[in-house]
Amino acid sequence: MLSVDVEKRLGDFALAVRFEAAAGATALLGPSGAGKTTIVNAVAGLVTPDRGRIALDETVLFDSAAGIDVPAHRRGVGYVFQEGRLFPHLTVRQNLLYGRWMRGLRRDPGEEKHVVSLLDLAPLLLRRPGRLSGGERQRVAIGRALLMRPRLLLLDEPLASLDPARKAEILPYLERLRDEARTPMIYVSHNADEVRRIATSVVRIEAGRVVAAGGLDLLAAAAPGARETGQP
């Protein structure tokens, strides 16, 4: 269970959100400027809230009153960005293993094989990122995050930079990830149709506030396929 209750001011923008996310895939859905990326960055430890508390199961990641702010690399949180952010000079296999090395985890051939199979990465292992499609790069980025053995996986608009064909290519892998990986997911998106396929619960964010939280029925109030151009 992820519990978030934080406030953060960025210039004229004020974020004040409170919600909980259980197992499965929880979507943060909202328009441009709503603050969805700020929320996941706070959970990841990349942004420090002004006040509040973030807890993952029994572990407190941030508590302003108690003076707790666990460094990002110790939070056990995997993060998949919009662009994948792979190392261009490393092969796919080396990119996959980088996260484990950073966390000081030993290699686990069985786990590596499972993730490679889950995301259909075997044909790509010897390639470098420059020879991958956008969808392939995102699959590698997801695999790298999974091999870090995260307690929580954050996906910030992972399909935003992809064309429709590449989105159609990667969506089945995200569905498989939700069903087979058993790692709780926070999935940021502006697209109600996309969220309908991936999410098991929804938190709607508008103007830095939670306006609704619940099941997929909340998507009825969101415009299908609505676009946005960026957000805090």
C-alpha atoms as a PDB file:
ATOM      1  CA  MET A   1       0.000   0.000   0.000  1.00  0.00           C
ATOM      2  CA  LEU A   2       1.313   3.411  -1.010  1.00  0.00           C
ATOM      3  CA  SER A   3       0.084   6.310   1.090  1.00  0.00           C
ATOM      4  CA  VAL A   4       0.666   9.869  -0.128  1.00  0.00           C
ATOM      5  CA  ASP A   5      -0.262  13.037   1.759  1.00  0.00           C
ATOM      6  CA  VAL A   6       1.957  15.922   0.631  1.00  0.00           C
ATOM      7  CA  GLU A   7       2.089  19.596  -0.270  1.00  0.00           C
ATOM      8  CA  LYS A   8       4.521  21.256  -2.648  1.00  0.00           C
ATOM      9  CA  ARG A   9       4.705  24.747  -4.147  1.00  0.00           C
ATOM     10  CA  LEU A  10       6.487  25.276  -7.472  1.00  0.00           C
ATOM     11  CA  GLY A  11       6.283  28.959  -8.402  1.00  0.00           C
ATOM     12  CA  ASP A  12       2.605  29.793  -8.768  1.00  0.00           C
ATOM     13  CA  PHE A  13       1.597  26.137  -8.735  1.00  0.00           C
ATOM     14  CA  ALA A  14       0.500  24.584  -5.429  1.00  0.00           C
ATOM     15  CA  LEU A  15       0.163  20.821  -5.033  1.00  0.00           C
ATOM     16  CA  ALA A  16      -1.785  19.378  -2.100  1.00  0.00           C
ATOM     17  CA  VAL A  17      -2.794  15.751  -2.566  1.00  0.00           C
ATOM     18  CA  ARG A  18      -3.816  12.843  -0.399  1.00  0.00           C
ATOM     19  CA  PHE A  19      -4.525   9.327  -1.684  1.00  0.00           C
ATOM     20  CA  GLU A  20      -3.714   5.652  -1.247  1.00  0.00           C
ATOM     21  CA  ALA A  21      -2.807   3.078  -3.883  1.00  0.00           C
ATOM     22  CA  ALA A  22      -3.054  -0.652  -3.252  1.00  0.00           C
ATOM     23  CA  ALA A  23      -1.873  -3.605  -5.351  1.00  0.00           C
ATOM     24  CA  GLY A  24      -2.370  -3.584  -9.089  1.00  0.00           C
ATOM     25  CA  ALA A  25      -2.010  -0.563 -11.370  1.00  0.00           C
ATOM     26  CA  THR A  26      -3.203   2.792 -10.058  1.00  0.00           C
ATOM     27  CA  ALA A  27      -3.516   5.486 -12.717  1.00  0.00           C
ATOM     28  CA  LEU A  28      -2.919   9.157 -12.017  1.00  0.00           C
ATOM     29  CA  LEU A  29      -5.128  10.795 -14.637  1.00  0.00           C
ATOM     30  CA  GLY A  30      -5.538  14.500 -15.243  1.00  0.00           C
ATOM     31  CA  PRO A  31      -5.028  17.430 -17.609  1.00  0.00           C
ATOM     32  CA  SER A  32      -1.883  19.351 -18.374  1.00  0.00           C
ATOM     33  CA  GLY A  33      -0.468  21.134 -15.354  1.00  0.00           C
ATOM     34  CA  ALA A  34      -2.364  18.985 -12.855  1.00  0.00           C
ATOM     35  CA  GLY A  35       0.794  17.901 -11.046  1.00  0.00           C
ATOM     36  CA  LYS A  36       0.929  14.190 -11.821  1.00  0.00           C
ATOM     37  CA  THR A  37       4.658  14.126 -12.557  1.00  0.00           C
ATOM     38  CA  THR A  38       5.388  16.146  -9.425  1.00  0.00           C
ATOM     39  CA  ILE A  39       3.574  13.484  -7.413  1.00  0.00           C
ATOM     40  CA  VAL A  40       5.546  10.547  -8.820  1.00  0.00           C
ATOM     41  CA  ASN A  41       8.782  12.508  -8.501  1.00  0.00           C
ATOM     42  CA  ALA A  42       7.987  13.058  -4.818  1.00  0.00           C
ATOM     43  CA  VAL A  43       7.335   9.334  -4.361  1.00  0.00           C
ATOM     44  CA  ALA A  44      10.608   8.523  -6.150  1.00  0.00           C
ATOM     45  CA  GLY A  45      12.566  10.982  -4.019  1.00  0.00           C
ATOM     46  CA  LEU A  46      13.415  13.289  -6.931  1.00  0.00           C
ATOM     47  CA  VAL A  47      11.311  16.140  -5.525  1.00  0.00           C
ATOM     48  CA  THR A  48      11.138  17.028  -1.834  1.00  0.00           C
ATOM     49  CA  PRO A  49       7.644  18.029  -0.632  1.00  0.00           C
ATOM     50  CA  ASP A  50       7.335  21.143   1.507  1.00  0.00           C
ATOM     51  CA  ARG A  51       5.393  19.152   4.065  1.00  0.00           C
ATOM     52  CA  GLY A  52       3.547  15.875   4.466  1.00  0.00           C
ATOM     53  CA  ARG A  53       4.167  12.151   4.530  1.00  0.00           C
ATOM     54  CA  ILE A  54       4.777   9.307   2.034  1.00  0.00           C
ATOM     55  CA  ALA A  55       4.792   5.669   3.147  1.00  0.00           C
ATOM     56  CA  LEU A  56       5.164   2.401   1.242  1.00  0.00           C
ATOM     57  CA  ASP A  57       3.695  -0.444   3.277  1.00  0.00           C
ATOM     58  CA  GLU A  58       5.365  -0.110   6.685  1.00  0.00           C
ATOM     59  CA  THR A  59       8.278   1.983   5.411  1.00  0.00           C
ATOM     60  CA  VAL A  60       8.099   5.771   5.772  1.00  0.00           C
ATOM     61  CA  LEU A  61       9.827   7.337   2.760  1.00  0.00           C
ATOM     62  CA  PHE A  62       9.170  10.949   3.691  1.00  0.00           C
ATOM     63  CA  ASP A  63       7.815  12.640   6.796  1.00  0.00           C
ATOM     64  CA  SER A  64       8.434  16.358   7.203  1.00  0.00           C
ATOM     65  CA  ALA A  65       7.350  16.370  10.845  1.00  0.00           C
ATOM     66  CA  ALA A  66       9.699  13.514  11.754  1.00  0.00           C
ATOM     67  CA  GLY A  67      12.573  14.761   9.594  1.00  0.00           C
ATOM     68  CA  ILE A  68      12.566  11.627   7.415  1.00  0.00           C
ATOM     69  CA  ASP A  69      13.581  11.837   3.746  1.00  0.00           C
ATOM     70  CA  VAL A  70      14.910   8.528   2.426  1.00  0.00           C
ATOM     71  CA  PRO A  71      17.327   9.066  -0.509  1.00  0.00           C
ATOM     72  CA  ALA A  72      15.981   8.078  -3.916  1.00  0.00           C
ATOM     73  CA  HIS A  73      18.432   5.181  -4.363  1.00  0.00           C
ATOM     74  CA  ARG A  74      17.294   3.604  -1.086  1.00  0.00           C
ATOM     75  CA  ARG A  75      13.538   3.790  -1.651  1.00  0.00           C
ATOM     76  CA  GLY A  76      13.228   0.570  -3.636  1.00  0.00           C
ATOM     77  CA  VAL A  77      11.204   2.354  -6.298  1.00  0.00           C
ATOM     78  CA  GLY A  78      11.613   1.709 -10.034  1.00  0.00           C
ATOM     79  CA  TYR A  79      10.980   4.622 -12.407  1.00  0.00           C
ATOM     80  CA  VAL A  80      10.232   4.466 -16.143  1.00  0.00           C
ATOM     81  CA  PHE A  81      10.391   7.896 -17.766  1.00  0.00           C
ATOM     82  CA  GLN A  82       8.728   9.046 -20.977  1.00  0.00           C
ATOM     83  CA  GLU A  83      11.935   8.693 -23.011  1.00  0.00           C
ATOM     84  CA  GLY A  84      13.325   5.496 -21.491  1.00  0.00           C
ATOM     85  CA  ARG A  85      16.687   7.177 -20.717  1.00  0.00           C
ATOM     86  CA  LEU A  86      18.877   4.264 -21.755  1.00  0.00           C
ATOM     87  CA  PHE A  87      22.663   4.516 -21.934  1.00  0.00           C
ATOM     88  CA  PRO A  88      23.501   4.754 -25.652  1.00  0.00           C
ATOM     89  CA  HIS A  89      26.985   3.212 -25.280  1.00  0.00           C
ATOM     90  CA  LEU A  90      25.688   0.059 -23.547  1.00  0.00           C
ATOM     91  CA  THR A  91      23.963  -2.938 -25.089  1.00  0.00           C
ATOM     92  CA  VAL A  92      20.418  -3.826 -24.131  1.00  0.00           C
ATOM     93  CA  ARG A  93      21.734  -6.553 -21.801  1.00  0.00           C
ATOM     94  CA  GLN A  94      24.094  -4.091 -20.116  1.00  0.00           C
ATOM     95  CA  ASN A  95      21.306  -1.516 -19.746  1.00  0.00           C
ATOM     96  CA  LEU A  96      19.074  -4.152 -18.163  1.00  0.00           C
ATOM     97  CA  LEU A  97      21.710  -5.055 -15.577  1.00  0.00           C
ATOM     98  CA  TYR A  98      22.726  -1.495 -14.756  1.00  0.00           C
ATOM     99  CA  GLY A  99      19.962  -0.963 -12.209  1.00  0.00           C
ATOM    100  CA  ARG A 100      20.924  -4.128 -10.314  1.00  0.00           C
ATOM    101  CA  TRP A 101      24.533  -3.000 -10.227  1.00  0.00           C
ATOM    102  CA  MET A 102      23.536   0.427  -8.893  1.00  0.00           C
ATOM    103  CA  ARG A 103      21.519  -1.184  -6.095  1.00  0.00           C
ATOM    104  CA  GLY A 104      24.291  -3.625  -5.257  1.00  0.00           C
ATOM    105  CA  LEU A 105      22.224  -6.672  -6.227  1.00  0.00           C
ATOM    106  CA  ARG A 106      23.851  -9.876  -7.415  1.00  0.00           C
ATOM    107  CA  ARG A 107      23.028 -11.233 -10.819  1.00  0.00           C
ATOM    108  CA  ASP A 108      20.154 -13.694 -10.869  1.00  0.00           C
ATOM    109  CA  PRO A 109      20.021 -15.578 -14.202  1.00  0.00           C
ATOM    110  CA  GLY A 110      16.567 -16.967 -13.448  1.00  0.00           C
ATOM    111  CA  GLU A 111      15.125 -13.543 -12.737  1.00  0.00           C
ATOM    112  CA  GLU A 112      16.841 -12.069 -15.784  1.00  0.00           C
ATOM    113  CA  LYS A 113      15.392 -14.816 -17.972  1.00  0.00           C
ATOM    114  CA  HIS A 114      11.904 -14.190 -16.603  1.00  0.00           C
ATOM    115  CA  VAL A 115      12.039 -10.440 -17.293  1.00  0.00           C
ATOM    116  CA  VAL A 116      13.524 -10.957 -20.763  1.00  0.00           C
ATOM    117  CA  SER A 117      10.729 -13.421 -21.546  1.00  0.00           C
ATOM    118  CA  LEU A 118       8.017 -11.211 -20.017  1.00  0.00           C
ATOM    119  CA  LEU A 119       8.987  -8.284 -22.257  1.00  0.00           C
ATOM    120  CA  ASP A 120      10.183 -10.313 -25.277  1.00  0.00           C
ATOM    121  CA  LEU A 121      13.672  -8.825 -25.150  1.00  0.00           C
ATOM    122  CA  ALA A 122      15.768 -11.845 -26.202  1.00  0.00           C
ATOM    123  CA  PRO A 123      16.199 -10.708 -29.861  1.00  0.00           C
ATOM    124  CA  LEU A 124      17.402  -7.286 -28.656  1.00  0.00           C
ATOM    125  CA  LEU A 125      20.012  -8.156 -26.037  1.00  0.00           C
ATOM    126  CA  LEU A 126      23.098  -7.441 -28.148  1.00  0.00           C
ATOM    127  CA  ARG A 127      21.778  -4.260 -29.758  1.00  0.00           C
ATOM    128  CA  ARG A 128      22.470  -0.721 -28.624  1.00  0.00           C
ATOM    129  CA  PRO A 129      19.614   1.759 -27.995  1.00  0.00           C
ATOM    130  CA  GLY A 130      20.278   3.593 -31.264  1.00  0.00           C
ATOM    131  CA  ARG A 131      19.141   0.478 -33.157  1.00  0.00           C
ATOM    132  CA  LEU A 132      15.855   0.143 -31.242  1.00  0.00           C
ATOM    133  CA  SER A 133      12.403   1.492 -32.000  1.00  0.00           C
ATOM    134  CA  GLY A 134      10.694   3.726 -29.446  1.00  0.00           C
ATOM    135  CA  GLY A 135       8.551   0.849 -28.220  1.00  0.00           C
ATOM    136  CA  GLU A 136      11.575  -1.414 -27.887  1.00  0.00           C
ATOM    137  CA  ARG A 137      13.438   1.217 -25.871  1.00  0.00           C
ATOM    138  CA  GLN A 138      10.511   1.538 -23.474  1.00  0.00           C
ATOM    139  CA  ARG A 139      10.374  -2.234 -23.011  1.00  0.00           C
ATOM    140  CA  VAL A 140      14.081  -2.219 -22.134  1.00  0.00           C
ATOM    141  CA  ALA A 141      13.527   0.646 -19.676  1.00  0.00           C
ATOM    142  CA  ILE A 142      10.719  -1.305 -17.998  1.00  0.00           C
ATOM    143  CA  GLY A 143      12.897  -4.409 -17.830  1.00  0.00           C
ATOM    144  CA  ARG A 144      15.741  -2.446 -16.257  1.00  0.00           C
ATOM    145  CA  ALA A 145      13.374  -1.087 -13.615  1.00  0.00           C
ATOM    146  CA  LEU A 146      11.967  -4.555 -12.865  1.00  0.00           C
ATOM    147  CA  LEU A 147      15.419  -6.095 -12.450  1.00  0.00           C
ATOM    148  CA  MET A 148      16.072  -3.612  -9.652  1.00  0.00           C
ATOM    149  CA  ARG A 149      13.495  -5.624  -7.669  1.00  0.00           C
ATOM    150  CA  PRO A 150      11.393  -2.559  -6.940  1.00  0.00           C
ATOM    151  CA  ARG A 151       8.717  -2.548  -4.275  1.00  0.00           C
ATOM    152  CA  LEU A 152       6.824  -0.090  -6.475  1.00  0.00           C
ATOM    153  CA  LEU A 153       7.051   0.744 -10.177  1.00  0.00           C
ATOM    154  CA  LEU A 154       6.392   4.299 -11.379  1.00  0.00           C
ATOM    155  CA  LEU A 155       5.589   4.809 -15.064  1.00  0.00           C
ATOM    156  CA  ASP A 156       5.372   8.452 -16.115  1.00  0.00           C
ATOM    157  CA  GLU A 157       3.591   8.727 -19.476  1.00  0.00           C
ATOM    158  CA  PRO A 158       5.558   5.765 -20.899  1.00  0.00           C
ATOM    159  CA  LEU A 159       3.662   5.913 -24.212  1.00  0.00           C
ATOM    160  CA  ALA A 160       3.564   9.698 -24.652  1.00  0.00           C
ATOM    161  CA  SER A 161       6.480   9.870 -27.104  1.00  0.00           C
ATOM    162  CA  LEU A 162       5.333   6.927 -29.227  1.00  0.00           C
ATOM    163  CA  ASP A 163       3.342   6.966 -32.453  1.00  0.00           C
ATOM    164  CA  PRO A 164       0.072   4.952 -32.600  1.00  0.00           C
ATOM    165  CA  ALA A 165       1.763   1.869 -34.069  1.00  0.00           C
ATOM    166  CA  ARG A 166       4.405   1.754 -31.320  1.00  0.00           C
ATOM    167  CA  LYS A 167       1.739   2.325 -28.657  1.00  0.00           C
ATOM    168  CA  ALA A 168      -0.226  -0.635 -29.987  1.00  0.00           C
ATOM    169  CA  GLU A 169       2.982  -2.664 -29.861  1.00  0.00           C
ATOM    170  CA  ILE A 170       3.781  -1.961 -26.203  1.00  0.00           C
ATOM    171  CA  LEU A 171       0.291  -1.927 -24.615  1.00  0.00           C
ATOM    172  CA  PRO A 172       0.058  -5.749 -24.451  1.00  0.00           C
ATOM    173  CA  TYR A 173       3.380  -5.822 -22.577  1.00  0.00           C
ATOM    174  CA  LEU A 174       2.071  -3.314 -20.042  1.00  0.00           C
ATOM    175  CA  GLU A 175      -1.022  -5.477 -19.548  1.00  0.00           C
ATOM    176  CA  ARG A 176       1.187  -8.517 -19.051  1.00  0.00           C
ATOM    177  CA  LEU A 177       3.332  -6.544 -16.626  1.00  0.00           C
ATOM    178  CA  ARG A 178       0.264  -5.678 -14.564  1.00  0.00           C
ATOM    179  CA  ASP A 179      -0.949  -9.290 -14.500  1.00  0.00           C
ATOM    180  CA  GLU A 180       2.307 -11.224 -14.137  1.00  0.00           C
ATOM    181  CA  ALA A 181       4.966  -9.071 -12.505  1.00  0.00           C
ATOM    182  CA  ARG A 182       3.059  -8.642  -9.207  1.00  0.00           C
ATOM    183  CA  THR A 183       4.790  -5.309  -8.641  1.00  0.00           C
ATOM    184  CA  PRO A 184       2.411  -2.472  -7.694  1.00  0.00           C
ATOM    185  CA  MET A 185       2.353   0.235 -10.362  1.00  0.00           C
ATOM    186  CA  ILE A 186       1.606   3.949 -10.443  1.00  0.00           C
ATOM    187  CA  TYR A 187       0.772   4.758 -14.051  1.00  0.00           C
ATOM    188  CA  VAL A 188       0.668   8.407 -15.136  1.00  0.00           C
ATOM    189  CA  SER A 189      -1.330   9.195 -18.247  1.00  0.00           C
ATOM    190  CA  HIS A 190      -3.550  11.812 -19.857  1.00  0.00           C
ATOM    191  CA  ASN A 191      -5.330   9.256 -22.039  1.00  0.00           C
ATOM    192  CA  ALA A 192      -8.509   7.672 -20.673  1.00  0.00           C
ATOM    193  CA  ASP A 193      -8.564   4.888 -23.283  1.00  0.00           C
ATOM    194  CA  GLU A 194      -4.998   3.926 -22.410  1.00  0.00           C
ATOM    195  CA  VAL A 195      -5.761   3.955 -18.687  1.00  0.00           C
ATOM    196  CA  ARG A 196      -8.839   1.810 -19.255  1.00  0.00           C
ATOM    197  CA  ARG A 197      -6.594  -0.962 -20.604  1.00  0.00           C
ATOM    198  CA  ILE A 198      -3.874  -0.736 -17.959  1.00  0.00           C
ATOM    199  CA  ALA A 199      -5.305   0.469 -14.657  1.00  0.00           C
ATOM    200  CA  THR A 200      -7.165  -1.331 -11.897  1.00  0.00           C
ATOM    201  CA  SER A 201      -7.915   1.903 -10.012  1.00  0.00           C
ATOM    202  CA  VAL A 202      -7.871   5.616 -10.824  1.00  0.00           C
ATOM    203  CA  VAL A 203      -6.916   8.818  -8.999  1.00  0.00           C
ATOM    204  CA  ARG A 204      -8.041  11.904 -10.898  1.00  0.00           C
ATOM    205  CA  ILE A 205      -5.854  14.975 -10.412  1.00  0.00           C
ATOM    206  CA  GLU A 206      -6.836  18.527 -11.325  1.00  0.00           C
ATOM    207  CA  ALA A 207      -5.008  21.758 -10.483  1.00  0.00           C
ATOM    208  CA  GLY A 208      -2.832  20.054  -7.880  1.00  0.00           C
ATOM    209  CA  ARG A 209      -5.728  18.406  -6.050  1.00  0.00           C
ATOM    210  CA  VAL A 210      -7.305  14.940  -5.954  1.00  0.00           C
ATOM    211  CA  VAL A 211     -10.843  15.377  -7.276  1.00  0.00           C
ATOM    212  CA  ALA A 212     -11.847  11.701  -7.290  1.00  0.00           C
ATOM    213  CA  ALA A 213     -10.436   8.267  -6.492  1.00  0.00           C
ATOM    214  CA  GLY A 214     -11.925   4.864  -7.168  1.00  0.00           C
ATOM    215  CA  GLY A 215     -12.513   2.360  -9.932  1.00  0.00           C
ATOM    216  CA  LEU A 216     -12.477   2.555 -13.713  1.00  0.00           C
ATOM    217  CA  ASP A 217     -15.980   4.070 -13.681  1.00  0.00           C
ATOM    218  CA  LEU A 218     -14.231   7.400 -13.034  1.00  0.00           C
ATOM    219  CA  LEU A 219     -12.995   7.307 -16.614  1.00  0.00           C
ATOM    220  CA  ALA A 220     -16.506   8.107 -17.806  1.00  0.00           C
ATOM    221  CA  ALA A 221     -15.884  11.691 -16.678  1.00  0.00           C
ATOM    222  CA  ALA A 222     -12.607  11.927 -18.603  1.00  0.00           C
ATOM    223  CA  ALA A 223     -12.481  12.729 -22.303  1.00  0.00           C
ATOM    224  CA  PRO A 224     -11.295   9.622 -24.215  1.00  0.00           C
ATOM    225  CA  GLY A 225      -7.902  10.142 -25.781  1.00  0.00           C
ATOM    226  CA  ALA A 226      -7.611  13.678 -24.393  1.00  0.00           C
ATOM    227  CA  ARG A 227      -4.214  15.182 -25.105  1.00  0.00           C
ATOM    228  CA  GLU A 228      -1.915  17.275 -22.971  1.00  0.00           C
ATOM    229  CA  THR A 229       1.425  18.871 -23.637  1.00  0.00           C
ATOM    230  CA  GLY A 230       3.214  18.846 -20.293  1.00  0.00           C
ATOM    231  CA  GLN A 231       2.726  19.341 -16.582  1.00  0.00           C
ATOM    232  CA  PRO A 232       4.435  20.135 -13.315  1.00  0.00           C
END
